[in-house]
């Protein structure tokens, strides 16, 4: 397997957390309380695995190596977009985590 294959597998694993958050959003829309324990676990997974382990490989190794090489403008645009997406994901996880703070969990 090529090294990029491992990164792609990690992306697919991380994407499996998204439906869990969407499920809790649906609960809120229906006027039910969110499953705070589930969301706390999702935040922990995203911070531990998706933000520390995976980007460590992608940002600190792959992207750093790519920045040392001459790449086409198209590839540079893709790289910049991926970095923005990582930052947006970190922000979304931070906001979700802050929303789980005792006293801030929205009740129906």
N, C-alpha and C. Protein backbone atom coordinates (compact mmCIF):
# COMPACT_ATOMS: atom_id res chain seq x y z
N UNK A 1 0.84 -1.17 0.00
CA UNK A 1 0.00 0.00 0.00
C UNK A 1 0.89 1.24 0.00
N UNK A 2 0.50 2.20 -0.78
CA UNK A 2 1.25 3.45 -0.83
C UNK A 2 0.96 4.25 0.45
N UNK A 3 1.90 5.09 0.89
CA UNK A 3 1.68 5.88 2.10
C UNK A 3 0.41 6.71 2.08
N UNK A 4 0.04 7.23 0.92
CA UNK A 4 -1.18 8.05 0.84
C UNK A 4 -2.41 7.21 1.15
N UNK A 5 -2.31 5.90 0.91
CA UNK A 5 -3.43 5.00 1.21
C UNK A 5 -3.78 5.02 2.69
N UNK A 6 -2.77 5.05 3.53
CA UNK A 6 -3.02 5.10 4.98
C UNK A 6 -3.72 6.39 5.37
N UNK A 7 -3.30 7.50 4.76
CA UNK A 7 -3.96 8.77 5.06
C UNK A 7 -5.41 8.75 4.61
N UNK A 8 -5.69 8.14 3.48
CA UNK A 8 -7.06 8.06 2.99
C UNK A 8 -7.92 7.20 3.92
N UNK A 9 -7.37 6.11 4.42
CA UNK A 9 -8.09 5.27 5.38
C UNK A 9 -8.41 6.09 6.63
N UNK A 10 -7.46 6.87 7.09
CA UNK A 10 -7.67 7.71 8.27
C UNK A 10 -8.78 8.73 8.00
N UNK A 11 -8.83 9.29 6.81
CA UNK A 11 -9.90 10.23 6.46
C UNK A 11 -11.26 9.54 6.55
N UNK A 12 -11.35 8.33 5.99
CA UNK A 12 -12.63 7.62 6.01
C UNK A 12 -13.05 7.31 7.45
N UNK A 13 -12.11 6.96 8.30
CA UNK A 13 -12.42 6.68 9.71
C UNK A 13 -12.94 7.94 10.40
N UNK A 14 -12.28 9.05 10.16
CA UNK A 14 -12.69 10.31 10.77
C UNK A 14 -14.09 10.71 10.29
N UNK A 15 -14.37 10.50 9.02
CA UNK A 15 -15.68 10.85 8.47
C UNK A 15 -16.81 10.09 9.14
N UNK A 16 -16.52 8.95 9.74
CA UNK A 16 -17.56 8.15 10.40
C UNK A 16 -18.09 8.84 11.66
N UNK A 17 -17.38 9.82 12.17
CA UNK A 17 -17.84 10.55 13.35
C UNK A 17 -18.92 11.58 13.00
N UNK A 18 -18.92 12.04 11.76
CA UNK A 18 -19.85 13.10 11.36
C UNK A 18 -21.32 12.70 11.55
N UNK A 19 -21.74 11.50 11.12
CA UNK A 19 -23.15 11.14 11.32
C UNK A 19 -23.56 11.11 12.80
N UNK A 20 -22.62 10.84 13.70
CA UNK A 20 -22.94 10.84 15.12
C UNK A 20 -23.34 12.23 15.59
N UNK A 21 -22.63 13.24 15.10
CA UNK A 21 -22.96 14.63 15.44
C UNK A 21 -24.27 15.01 14.78
N UNK A 22 -24.45 14.62 13.53
CA UNK A 22 -25.69 14.93 12.83
C UNK A 22 -26.91 14.32 13.53
N UNK A 23 -26.73 13.12 14.07
CA UNK A 23 -27.81 12.46 14.81
C UNK A 23 -28.21 13.30 16.02
N UNK A 24 -27.23 13.85 16.71
CA UNK A 24 -27.53 14.68 17.88
C UNK A 24 -28.17 16.00 17.45
N UNK A 25 -27.78 16.53 16.31
CA UNK A 25 -28.44 17.73 15.78
C UNK A 25 -29.91 17.44 15.52
N UNK A 26 -30.20 16.28 14.97
CA UNK A 26 -31.59 15.90 14.71
C UNK A 26 -32.38 15.78 16.02
N UNK A 27 -31.73 15.24 17.03
CA UNK A 27 -32.40 15.14 18.35
C UNK A 27 -32.79 16.53 18.85
N UNK A 28 -31.87 17.48 18.71
CA UNK A 28 -32.15 18.85 19.15
C UNK A 28 -33.29 19.46 18.35
N UNK A 29 -33.28 19.25 17.04
CA UNK A 29 -34.34 19.79 16.18
C UNK A 29 -35.71 19.24 16.56
N UNK A 30 -35.72 17.99 17.04
CA UNK A 30 -36.98 17.36 17.45
C UNK A 30 -37.36 17.73 18.89
N UNK A 31 -36.56 18.60 19.51
CA UNK A 31 -36.88 19.04 20.87
C UNK A 31 -36.40 18.10 21.96
N UNK A 32 -35.50 17.20 21.63
CA UNK A 32 -34.97 16.26 22.63
C UNK A 32 -33.61 16.73 23.10
N UNK A 33 -33.21 16.27 24.26
CA UNK A 33 -31.89 16.60 24.79
C UNK A 33 -30.82 15.82 24.04
N UNK A 34 -29.67 16.44 23.84
CA UNK A 34 -28.58 15.72 23.16
C UNK A 34 -27.97 14.67 24.08
N UNK A 35 -27.37 13.68 23.48
CA UNK A 35 -26.63 12.67 24.24
C UNK A 35 -25.24 13.24 24.48
N UNK A 36 -25.09 13.89 25.62
CA UNK A 36 -23.84 14.59 25.94
C UNK A 36 -22.67 13.62 26.02
N UNK A 37 -22.90 12.43 26.55
CA UNK A 37 -21.82 11.44 26.65
C UNK A 37 -21.32 11.06 25.26
N UNK A 38 -22.23 10.85 24.33
CA UNK A 38 -21.84 10.49 22.96
C UNK A 38 -21.04 11.63 22.33
N UNK A 39 -21.55 12.85 22.46
CA UNK A 39 -20.86 13.99 21.88
C UNK A 39 -19.49 14.21 22.51
N UNK A 40 -19.38 13.97 23.80
CA UNK A 40 -18.09 14.10 24.49
C UNK A 40 -17.10 13.09 23.93
N UNK A 41 -17.57 11.88 23.67
CA UNK A 41 -16.70 10.85 23.07
C UNK A 41 -16.28 11.24 21.66
N UNK A 42 -17.21 11.80 20.90
CA UNK A 42 -16.89 12.23 19.54
C UNK A 42 -15.82 13.33 19.58
N UNK A 43 -16.00 14.30 20.47
CA UNK A 43 -15.00 15.38 20.61
C UNK A 43 -13.65 14.78 20.99
N UNK A 44 -13.64 13.85 21.93
CA UNK A 44 -12.38 13.22 22.34
C UNK A 44 -11.73 12.51 21.16
N UNK A 45 -12.50 11.75 20.39
CA UNK A 45 -11.96 11.06 19.22
C UNK A 45 -11.39 12.05 18.22
N UNK A 46 -12.16 13.09 17.92
CA UNK A 46 -11.70 14.05 16.92
C UNK A 46 -10.46 14.79 17.38
N UNK A 47 -10.38 15.12 18.65
CA UNK A 47 -9.19 15.82 19.15
C UNK A 47 -7.99 14.89 19.22
N UNK A 48 -8.20 13.68 19.68
CA UNK A 48 -7.08 12.75 19.86
C UNK A 48 -6.62 12.15 18.55
N UNK A 49 -7.52 11.56 17.84
CA UNK A 49 -7.14 10.86 16.62
C UNK A 49 -7.08 11.79 15.41
N UNK A 50 -8.19 12.46 15.17
CA UNK A 50 -8.28 13.24 13.94
C UNK A 50 -7.42 14.50 13.96
N UNK A 51 -7.21 15.08 15.13
CA UNK A 51 -6.45 16.33 15.18
C UNK A 51 -5.00 16.14 15.57
N UNK A 52 -4.69 15.14 16.38
CA UNK A 52 -3.30 14.95 16.80
C UNK A 52 -2.57 13.91 15.96
N UNK A 53 -3.18 12.75 15.80
CA UNK A 53 -2.49 11.66 15.09
C UNK A 53 -2.46 11.89 13.58
N UNK A 54 -3.63 12.09 13.00
CA UNK A 54 -3.70 12.21 11.54
C UNK A 54 -3.01 13.47 11.01
N UNK A 55 -3.37 14.67 11.48
CA UNK A 55 -2.69 15.85 10.93
C UNK A 55 -1.20 15.85 11.21
N UNK A 56 -0.79 15.19 12.27
CA UNK A 56 0.64 15.10 12.52
C UNK A 56 1.35 14.49 11.34
N UNK A 57 0.73 13.48 10.76
CA UNK A 57 1.30 12.85 9.57
C UNK A 57 1.11 13.75 8.35
N UNK A 58 -0.11 14.25 8.22
CA UNK A 58 -0.43 14.99 7.00
C UNK A 58 0.23 16.37 6.98
N UNK A 59 0.02 17.15 8.02
CA UNK A 59 0.55 18.52 8.03
C UNK A 59 2.04 18.55 8.33
N UNK A 60 2.48 17.80 9.32
CA UNK A 60 3.88 17.89 9.75
C UNK A 60 4.84 17.12 8.85
N UNK A 61 4.34 16.13 8.14
CA UNK A 61 5.23 15.35 7.28
C UNK A 61 4.92 15.60 5.80
N UNK A 62 3.73 15.19 5.35
CA UNK A 62 3.40 15.27 3.93
C UNK A 62 3.38 16.71 3.43
N UNK A 63 2.60 17.57 4.09
CA UNK A 63 2.50 18.95 3.62
C UNK A 63 3.84 19.67 3.73
N UNK A 64 4.56 19.41 4.79
CA UNK A 64 5.87 20.05 4.96
C UNK A 64 6.81 19.65 3.83
N UNK A 65 6.79 18.38 3.46
CA UNK A 65 7.63 17.91 2.36
C UNK A 65 7.18 18.54 1.03
N UNK A 66 5.88 18.64 0.84
CA UNK A 66 5.38 19.24 -0.40
C UNK A 66 5.76 20.71 -0.50
N UNK A 67 5.79 21.40 0.62
CA UNK A 67 6.15 22.82 0.62
C UNK A 67 7.62 23.02 0.20
N UNK A 68 8.44 22.01 0.37
CA UNK A 68 9.85 22.08 -0.02
C UNK A 68 10.05 21.81 -1.51
N UNK A 69 9.02 21.33 -2.16
CA UNK A 69 9.13 21.00 -3.58
C UNK A 69 8.39 22.03 -4.42
N UNK A 70 8.76 22.09 -5.66
CA UNK A 70 8.02 22.93 -6.59
C UNK A 70 6.79 22.15 -7.04
N UNK A 71 5.62 22.72 -6.75
CA UNK A 71 4.38 22.08 -7.17
C UNK A 71 3.61 23.05 -8.06
N UNK A 72 2.74 22.48 -8.85
CA UNK A 72 1.94 23.32 -9.75
C UNK A 72 1.01 24.22 -8.93
N UNK A 73 0.53 25.27 -9.55
CA UNK A 73 -0.42 26.17 -8.87
C UNK A 73 -1.67 25.40 -8.46
N UNK A 74 -2.10 24.48 -9.29
CA UNK A 74 -3.28 23.68 -8.98
C UNK A 74 -3.06 22.86 -7.70
N UNK A 75 -1.88 22.24 -7.60
CA UNK A 75 -1.59 21.45 -6.40
C UNK A 75 -1.41 22.34 -5.18
N UNK A 76 -0.84 23.51 -5.36
CA UNK A 76 -0.69 24.45 -4.24
C UNK A 76 -2.06 24.90 -3.74
N UNK A 77 -2.97 25.13 -4.66
CA UNK A 77 -4.33 25.52 -4.29
C UNK A 77 -5.01 24.41 -3.49
N UNK A 78 -4.83 23.19 -3.91
CA UNK A 78 -5.39 22.04 -3.18
C UNK A 78 -4.79 21.94 -1.79
N UNK A 79 -3.49 22.09 -1.69
CA UNK A 79 -2.80 22.04 -0.40
C UNK A 79 -3.32 23.14 0.53
N UNK A 80 -3.44 24.34 0.03
CA UNK A 80 -3.96 25.45 0.83
C UNK A 80 -5.39 25.17 1.30
N UNK A 81 -6.20 24.59 0.42
CA UNK A 81 -7.58 24.25 0.77
C UNK A 81 -7.62 23.20 1.88
N UNK A 82 -6.77 22.19 1.77
CA UNK A 82 -6.72 21.16 2.80
C UNK A 82 -6.34 21.75 4.16
N UNK A 83 -5.38 22.66 4.16
CA UNK A 83 -4.99 23.30 5.42
C UNK A 83 -6.14 24.13 5.99
N UNK A 84 -6.88 24.83 5.14
CA UNK A 84 -8.05 25.59 5.60
C UNK A 84 -9.11 24.65 6.18
N UNK A 85 -9.31 23.53 5.52
CA UNK A 85 -10.30 22.56 6.01
C UNK A 85 -9.90 22.01 7.37
N UNK A 86 -8.61 21.77 7.56
CA UNK A 86 -8.15 21.30 8.88
C UNK A 86 -8.45 22.36 9.95
N UNK A 87 -8.19 23.61 9.63
CA UNK A 87 -8.45 24.69 10.60
C UNK A 87 -9.94 24.82 10.87
N UNK A 88 -10.77 24.71 9.83
CA UNK A 88 -12.21 24.78 10.01
C UNK A 88 -12.71 23.62 10.87
N UNK A 89 -12.15 22.45 10.66
CA UNK A 89 -12.55 21.29 11.47
C UNK A 89 -12.16 21.49 12.93
N UNK A 90 -10.96 22.02 13.16
CA UNK A 90 -10.55 22.29 14.55
C UNK A 90 -11.49 23.29 15.22
N UNK A 91 -11.88 24.31 14.47
CA UNK A 91 -12.80 25.32 15.00
C UNK A 91 -14.16 24.70 15.31
N UNK A 92 -14.66 23.85 14.43
CA UNK A 92 -15.95 23.21 14.66
C UNK A 92 -15.91 22.31 15.89
N UNK A 93 -14.82 21.58 16.07
CA UNK A 93 -14.68 20.72 17.25
C UNK A 93 -14.58 21.57 18.51
N UNK A 94 -13.86 22.69 18.43
CA UNK A 94 -13.75 23.59 19.59
C UNK A 94 -15.13 24.11 19.98
N UNK A 95 -15.91 24.54 18.99
CA UNK A 95 -17.24 25.06 19.26
C UNK A 95 -18.15 23.97 19.85
N UNK A 96 -18.06 22.76 19.31
CA UNK A 96 -18.85 21.65 19.84
C UNK A 96 -18.46 21.38 21.29
N UNK A 97 -17.16 21.36 21.54
CA UNK A 97 -16.68 21.12 22.90
C UNK A 97 -17.17 22.20 23.87
N UNK A 98 -17.08 23.45 23.45
CA UNK A 98 -17.56 24.54 24.30
C UNK A 98 -19.05 24.43 24.56
N UNK A 99 -19.80 23.95 23.58
CA UNK A 99 -21.22 23.77 23.74
C UNK A 99 -21.58 22.68 24.72
N UNK A 100 -20.63 21.78 24.99
CA UNK A 100 -20.86 20.69 25.94
C UNK A 100 -20.49 21.07 27.37
N UNK A 101 -19.98 22.27 27.55
CA UNK A 101 -19.62 22.74 28.88
C UNK A 101 -20.87 22.75 29.76
N UNK A 102 -20.77 22.22 30.99
CA UNK A 102 -21.94 22.22 31.87
C UNK A 102 -22.57 23.61 31.94
N UNK A 103 -23.87 23.63 31.84
CA UNK A 103 -24.60 24.89 31.87
C UNK A 103 -24.81 25.48 30.50
N UNK A 104 -24.10 24.97 29.50
CA UNK A 104 -24.24 25.50 28.14
C UNK A 104 -24.96 24.54 27.22
N UNK A 105 -25.21 23.31 27.69
CA UNK A 105 -25.90 22.32 26.86
C UNK A 105 -27.34 22.78 26.71
N UNK A 106 -27.76 22.93 25.47
CA UNK A 106 -29.13 23.39 25.19
C UNK A 106 -30.13 22.30 25.56
N UNK A 107 -31.11 22.67 26.29
CA UNK A 107 -32.18 21.76 26.64
C UNK A 107 -33.42 22.15 25.85
N UNK A 108 -34.25 21.18 25.51
CA UNK A 108 -35.47 21.48 24.75
C UNK A 108 -36.45 22.29 25.56
